[in-house]
C-alpha atoms as a PDB file:
ATOM      1  CA  MET A   1     -49.448  98.924 -99.562  1.00  0.00           C
ATOM      2  CA  ILE A   2     -50.551 100.590 -96.371  1.00  0.00           C
ATOM      3  CA  THR A   3     -51.941  98.563 -93.531  1.00  0.00           C
ATOM      4  CA  LEU A   4     -53.156  99.457 -90.557  1.00  0.00           C
ATOM      5  CA  VAL A   5     -52.093  97.229 -87.435  1.00  0.00           C
ATOM      6  CA  VAL A   6     -55.045  97.344 -84.720  1.00  0.00           C
ATOM      7  CA  ALA A   7     -55.719  95.623 -81.451  1.00  0.00           C
ATOM      8  CA  ARG A   8     -59.238  96.674 -80.678  1.00  0.00           C
ATOM      9  CA  ALA A   9     -61.661  95.143 -77.872  1.00  0.00           C
ATOM     10  CA  ASP A  10     -65.205  94.343 -78.733  1.00  0.00           C
ATOM     11  CA  ASN A  11     -66.334  97.523 -77.098  1.00  0.00           C
ATOM     12  CA  GLY A  12     -64.013  99.648 -79.226  1.00  0.00           C
ATOM     13  CA  VAL A  13     -60.998 100.155 -76.529  1.00  0.00           C
ATOM     14  CA  ILE A  14     -57.630 100.321 -78.161  1.00  0.00           C
ATOM     15  CA  GLY A  15     -55.883 102.268 -74.978  1.00  0.00           C
ATOM     16  CA  ARG A  16     -55.757 102.913 -71.250  1.00  0.00           C
ATOM     17  CA  ASP A  17     -53.474 105.557 -69.664  1.00  0.00           C
ATOM     18  CA  GLY A  18     -51.362 105.664 -72.898  1.00  0.00           C
ATOM     19  CA  GLU A  19     -50.978 101.882 -73.117  1.00  0.00           C
ATOM     20  CA  LEU A  20     -52.317  98.764 -74.389  1.00  0.00           C
ATOM     21  CA  PRO A  21     -54.859  97.607 -71.608  1.00  0.00           C
ATOM     22  CA  TRP A  22     -53.721  94.048 -72.291  1.00  0.00           C
ATOM     23  CA  ARG A  23     -50.690  92.036 -72.866  1.00  0.00           C
ATOM     24  CA  ILE A  24     -51.006  89.138 -75.344  1.00  0.00           C
ATOM     25  CA  ARG A  25     -47.807  87.634 -76.123  1.00  0.00           C
ATOM     26  CA  GLU A  26     -48.839  85.981 -79.108  1.00  0.00           C
ATOM     27  CA  ASP A  27     -50.194  89.373 -80.700  1.00  0.00           C
ATOM     28  CA  LEU A  28     -46.579  91.127 -79.710  1.00  0.00           C
ATOM     29  CA  ARG A  29     -44.968  88.309 -81.548  1.00  0.00           C
ATOM     30  CA  ARG A  30     -47.489  88.756 -84.821  1.00  0.00           C
ATOM     31  CA  PHE A  31     -46.745  92.510 -84.535  1.00  0.00           C
ATOM     32  CA  LYS A  32     -43.157  91.990 -84.802  1.00  0.00           C
ATOM     33  CA  ALA A  33     -43.329  89.569 -87.468  1.00  0.00           C
ATOM     34  CA  LEU A  34     -45.613  91.818 -89.632  1.00  0.00           C
ATOM     35  CA  THR A  35     -43.628  95.088 -89.132  1.00  0.00           C
ATOM     36  CA  MET A  36     -40.060  93.837 -89.145  1.00  0.00           C
ATOM     37  CA  GLY A  37     -38.077  95.604 -91.885  1.00  0.00           C
ATOM     38  CA  LYS A  38     -40.762  98.113 -92.926  1.00  0.00           C
ATOM     39  CA  PRO A  39     -41.651 101.678 -92.082  1.00  0.00           C
ATOM     40  CA  MET A  40     -44.136 102.048 -89.031  1.00  0.00           C
ATOM     41  CA  ILE A  41     -46.085 105.408 -89.258  1.00  0.00           C
ATOM     42  CA  MET A  42     -47.457 106.396 -85.779  1.00  0.00           C
ATOM     43  CA  GLY A  43     -48.267 109.336 -83.724  1.00  0.00           C
ATOM     44  CA  ARG A  44     -46.104 110.977 -81.123  1.00  0.00           C
ATOM     45  CA  LYS A  45     -48.107 109.482 -78.099  1.00  0.00           C
ATOM     46  CA  THR A  46     -47.656 106.024 -79.665  1.00  0.00           C
ATOM     47  CA  PHE A  47     -44.075 106.557 -80.131  1.00  0.00           C
ATOM     48  CA  GLU A  48     -43.704 107.705 -76.526  1.00  0.00           C
ATOM     49  CA  SER A  49     -45.669 104.564 -75.480  1.00  0.00           C
ATOM     50  CA  LEU A  50     -42.955 102.225 -76.991  1.00  0.00           C
ATOM     51  CA  PRO A  51     -40.457 100.478 -74.710  1.00  0.00           C
ATOM     52  CA  GLY A  52     -37.766 102.149 -76.766  1.00  0.00           C
ATOM     53  CA  VAL A  53     -36.859 102.208 -80.650  1.00  0.00           C
ATOM     54  CA  LEU A  54     -37.957  98.821 -81.997  1.00  0.00           C
ATOM     55  CA  PRO A  55     -35.147  97.372 -83.833  1.00  0.00           C
ATOM     56  CA  GLY A  56     -35.340  96.573 -87.533  1.00  0.00           C
ATOM     57  CA  ARG A  57     -37.873  98.973 -88.264  1.00  0.00           C
ATOM     58  CA  ARG A  58     -38.302 102.695 -89.544  1.00  0.00           C
ATOM     59  CA  HIS A  59     -39.914 104.804 -87.216  1.00  0.00           C
ATOM     60  CA  VAL A  60     -42.061 107.730 -88.727  1.00  0.00           C
ATOM     61  CA  VAL A  61     -43.920 109.921 -86.225  1.00  0.00           C
ATOM     62  CA  LEU A  62     -46.643 112.338 -87.395  1.00  0.00           C
ATOM     63  CA  THR A  63     -47.154 115.329 -85.021  1.00  0.00           C
ATOM     64  CA  ARG A  64     -48.409 118.956 -84.992  1.00  0.00           C
ATOM     65  CA  ASP A  65     -45.802 119.813 -82.595  1.00  0.00           C
ATOM     66  CA  SER A  66     -43.013 121.399 -84.540  1.00  0.00           C
ATOM     67  CA  ASP A  67     -40.531 121.356 -81.876  1.00  0.00           C
ATOM     68  CA  TRP A  68     -41.000 117.444 -81.129  1.00  0.00           C
ATOM     69  CA  ARG A  69     -37.792 115.589 -81.978  1.00  0.00           C
ATOM     70  CA  ALA A  70     -36.690 112.049 -80.997  1.00  0.00           C
ATOM     71  CA  GLU A  71     -33.673 109.975 -81.811  1.00  0.00           C
ATOM     72  CA  ALA A  72     -34.075 107.391 -84.261  1.00  0.00           C
ATOM     73  CA  ALA A  73     -37.494 108.886 -85.197  1.00  0.00           C
ATOM     74  CA  GLU A  74     -38.351 110.803 -88.625  1.00  0.00           C
ATOM     75  CA  VAL A  75     -40.668 113.496 -87.744  1.00  0.00           C
ATOM     76  CA  VAL A  76     -43.597 114.510 -90.334  1.00  0.00           C
ATOM     77  CA  ARG A  77     -46.322 116.844 -90.016  1.00  0.00           C
ATOM     78  CA  ASP A  78     -48.982 115.395 -91.892  1.00  0.00           C
ATOM     79  CA  VAL A  79     -50.212 112.392 -94.012  1.00  0.00           C
ATOM     80  CA  ALA A  80     -48.829 113.396 -97.463  1.00  0.00           C
ATOM     81  CA  GLN A  81     -45.332 113.957 -95.964  1.00  0.00           C
ATOM     82  CA  ALA A  82     -45.489 110.609 -94.186  1.00  0.00           C
ATOM     83  CA  LEU A  83     -46.255 108.697 -97.623  1.00  0.00           C
ATOM     84  CA  ALA A  84     -43.843 110.914 -99.506  1.00  0.00           C
ATOM     85  CA  ILE A  85     -40.914 109.782 -97.365  1.00  0.00           C
ATOM     86  CA  VAL A  86     -42.165 105.720 -96.917  1.00  0.00           C
ATOM     87  CA  GLY A  87     -43.767 105.261-100.367  1.00  0.00           C
ATOM     88  CA  GLU A  88     -46.842 103.008-100.556  1.00  0.00           C
ATOM     89  CA  ASP A  89     -45.459 100.120 -98.412  1.00  0.00           C
ATOM     90  CA  ALA A  90     -45.986 101.152 -94.735  1.00  0.00           C
ATOM     91  CA  PHE A  91     -47.760  99.959 -91.434  1.00  0.00           C
ATOM     92  CA  VAL A  92     -49.990 102.310 -89.431  1.00  0.00           C
ATOM     93  CA  ILE A  93     -49.550 101.442 -85.879  1.00  0.00           C
ATOM     94  CA  GLY A  94     -51.704 103.996 -84.154  1.00  0.00           C
ATOM     95  CA  GLY A  95     -52.990 105.755 -82.085  1.00  0.00           C
ATOM     96  CA  ALA A  96     -56.732 106.533 -82.927  1.00  0.00           C
ATOM     97  CA  GLU A  97     -56.350 109.702 -84.633  1.00  0.00           C
ATOM     98  CA  ILE A  98     -53.689 108.394 -86.817  1.00  0.00           C
ATOM     99  CA  PHE A  99     -55.709 105.284 -87.868  1.00  0.00           C
ATOM    100  CA  ALA A 100     -58.534 107.875 -88.805  1.00  0.00           C
ATOM    101  CA  LEU A 101     -56.143 109.735 -90.869  1.00  0.00           C
ATOM    102  CA  PHE A 102     -54.824 106.797 -92.853  1.00  0.00           C
ATOM    103  CA  GLU A 103     -57.912 104.594 -93.141  1.00  0.00           C
ATOM    104  CA  ALA A 104     -59.351 105.982 -96.302  1.00  0.00           C
ATOM    105  CA  ARG A 105     -55.783 105.217 -98.028  1.00  0.00           C
ATOM    106  CA  ALA A 106     -55.301 101.822 -96.307  1.00  0.00           C
ATOM    107  CA  ASP A 107     -55.314  98.753 -98.568  1.00  0.00           C
ATOM    108  CA  ALA A 108     -55.650  96.287 -95.675  1.00  0.00           C
ATOM    109  CA  VAL A 109     -55.886  96.073 -91.706  1.00  0.00           C
ATOM    110  CA  GLU A 110     -54.261  93.440 -89.738  1.00  0.00           C
ATOM    111  CA  LEU A 111     -56.753  93.309 -86.632  1.00  0.00           C
ATOM    112  CA  THR A 112     -56.498  91.844 -83.214  1.00  0.00           C
ATOM    113  CA  GLU A 113     -59.945  91.438 -82.009  1.00  0.00           C
ATOM    114  CA  VAL A 114     -59.592  91.216 -78.160  1.00  0.00           C
ATOM    115  CA  HIS A 115     -63.008  89.816 -76.852  1.00  0.00           C
ATOM    116  CA  GLY A 116     -64.560  91.110 -73.811  1.00  0.00           C
ATOM    117  CA  GLY A 117     -65.547  94.255 -72.241  1.00  0.00           C
ATOM    118  CA  ILE A 118     -61.957  95.937 -71.506  1.00  0.00           C
ATOM    119  CA  GLU A 119     -61.942  99.300 -69.634  1.00  0.00           C
ATOM    120  CA  GLY A 120     -60.020 101.969 -71.499  1.00  0.00           C
ATOM    121  CA  ASP A 121     -59.922 105.644 -72.225  1.00  0.00           C
ATOM    122  CA  THR A 122     -59.091 105.442 -75.867  1.00  0.00           C
ATOM    123  CA  THR A 123     -61.615 104.044 -78.552  1.00  0.00           C
ATOM    124  CA  MET A 124     -62.139 103.689 -81.856  1.00  0.00           C
ATOM    125  CA  PRO A 125     -65.293 102.585 -84.213  1.00  0.00           C
ATOM    126  CA  PRO A 126     -65.427  99.314 -85.803  1.00  0.00           C
ATOM    127  CA  PHE A 127     -64.242  98.851 -89.689  1.00  0.00           C
ATOM    128  CA  ASP A 128     -67.305  99.480 -91.905  1.00  0.00           C
ATOM    129  CA  PRO A 129     -68.219  96.101 -93.345  1.00  0.00           C
ATOM    130  CA  GLY A 130     -69.407  98.129 -96.301  1.00  0.00           C
ATOM    131  CA  ARG A 131     -65.926  99.132 -96.980  1.00  0.00           C
ATOM    132  CA  TRP A 132     -64.017  96.153 -95.651  1.00  0.00           C
ATOM    133  CA  ARG A 133     -64.276  92.466 -96.121  1.00  0.00           C
ATOM    134  CA  GLU A 134     -62.781  89.749 -93.802  1.00  0.00           C
ATOM    135  CA  GLU A 135     -60.084  87.791 -95.863  1.00  0.00           C
ATOM    136  CA  TYR A 136     -59.238  85.518 -92.938  1.00  0.00           C
ATOM    137  CA  ARG A 137     -59.645  84.853 -89.312  1.00  0.00           C
ATOM    138  CA  THR A 138     -57.992  82.624 -86.857  1.00  0.00           C
ATOM    139  CA  ALA A 139     -58.338  82.056 -82.963  1.00  0.00           C
ATOM    140  CA  GLY A 140     -55.612  83.260 -80.980  1.00  0.00           C
ATOM    141  CA  THR A 141     -54.507  81.319 -77.684  1.00  0.00           C
ATOM    142  CA  GLY A 142     -54.261  82.502 -74.146  1.00  0.00           C
ATOM    143  CA  SER A 143     -56.064  85.273 -72.326  1.00  0.00           C
ATOM    144  CA  PRO A 144     -57.714  87.363 -72.825  1.00  0.00           C
ATOM    145  CA  ALA A 145     -59.610  85.422 -75.869  1.00  0.00           C
ATOM    146  CA  HIS A 146     -58.870  86.933 -79.320  1.00  0.00           C
ATOM    147  CA  ASP A 147     -58.939  86.450 -82.789  1.00  0.00           C
ATOM    148  CA  PHE A 148     -56.496  87.569 -85.643  1.00  0.00           C
ATOM    149  CA  VAL A 149     -58.192  89.002 -88.468  1.00  0.00           C
ATOM    150  CA  ARG A 150     -57.013  90.389 -91.823  1.00  0.00           C
ATOM    151  CA  LEU A 151     -59.621  92.792 -93.499  1.00  0.00           C
ATOM    152  CA  VAL A 152     -58.921  94.078 -97.105  1.00  0.00           C
ATOM    153  CA  ARG A 153     -60.659  97.138 -98.786  1.00  0.00           C
ATOM    154  CA  ARG A 154     -63.578  96.239-100.983  1.00  0.00           C
ATOM    155  CA  ALA A 155     -63.346  96.802-104.496  1.00  0.00           C
END
């Protein structure tokens, strides 16, 4: 199962200056619980924005830069190569271009909806309700206000 893990503000913002424009502890704990022990596919910028290699997870980095390397990261050049090395069970964790590349192949979205007009420089469109249906929603605690939502692909 290919699952996108996205934190997105109501206005579409997912990043600012190469980082998340919010810090929600509950969301970070949820991210860790979802991805622990699984491969994570990400773009180079997302990998470089991490505080380091996240323990207990495989880091697969998709980049067009043929010279780019990083210790503890497996470098791939396209979607097919990424899926060939991880199989069909992985989490796609960003950024916006990588989400767009994998959305058509994704089975589910683990979405953190951050409420309010958050300022940022990286955005992504909402998920099309004609392609995705909400399986569950639960309100998060803390600030900024947020909900945890699971979307699944419509048959």
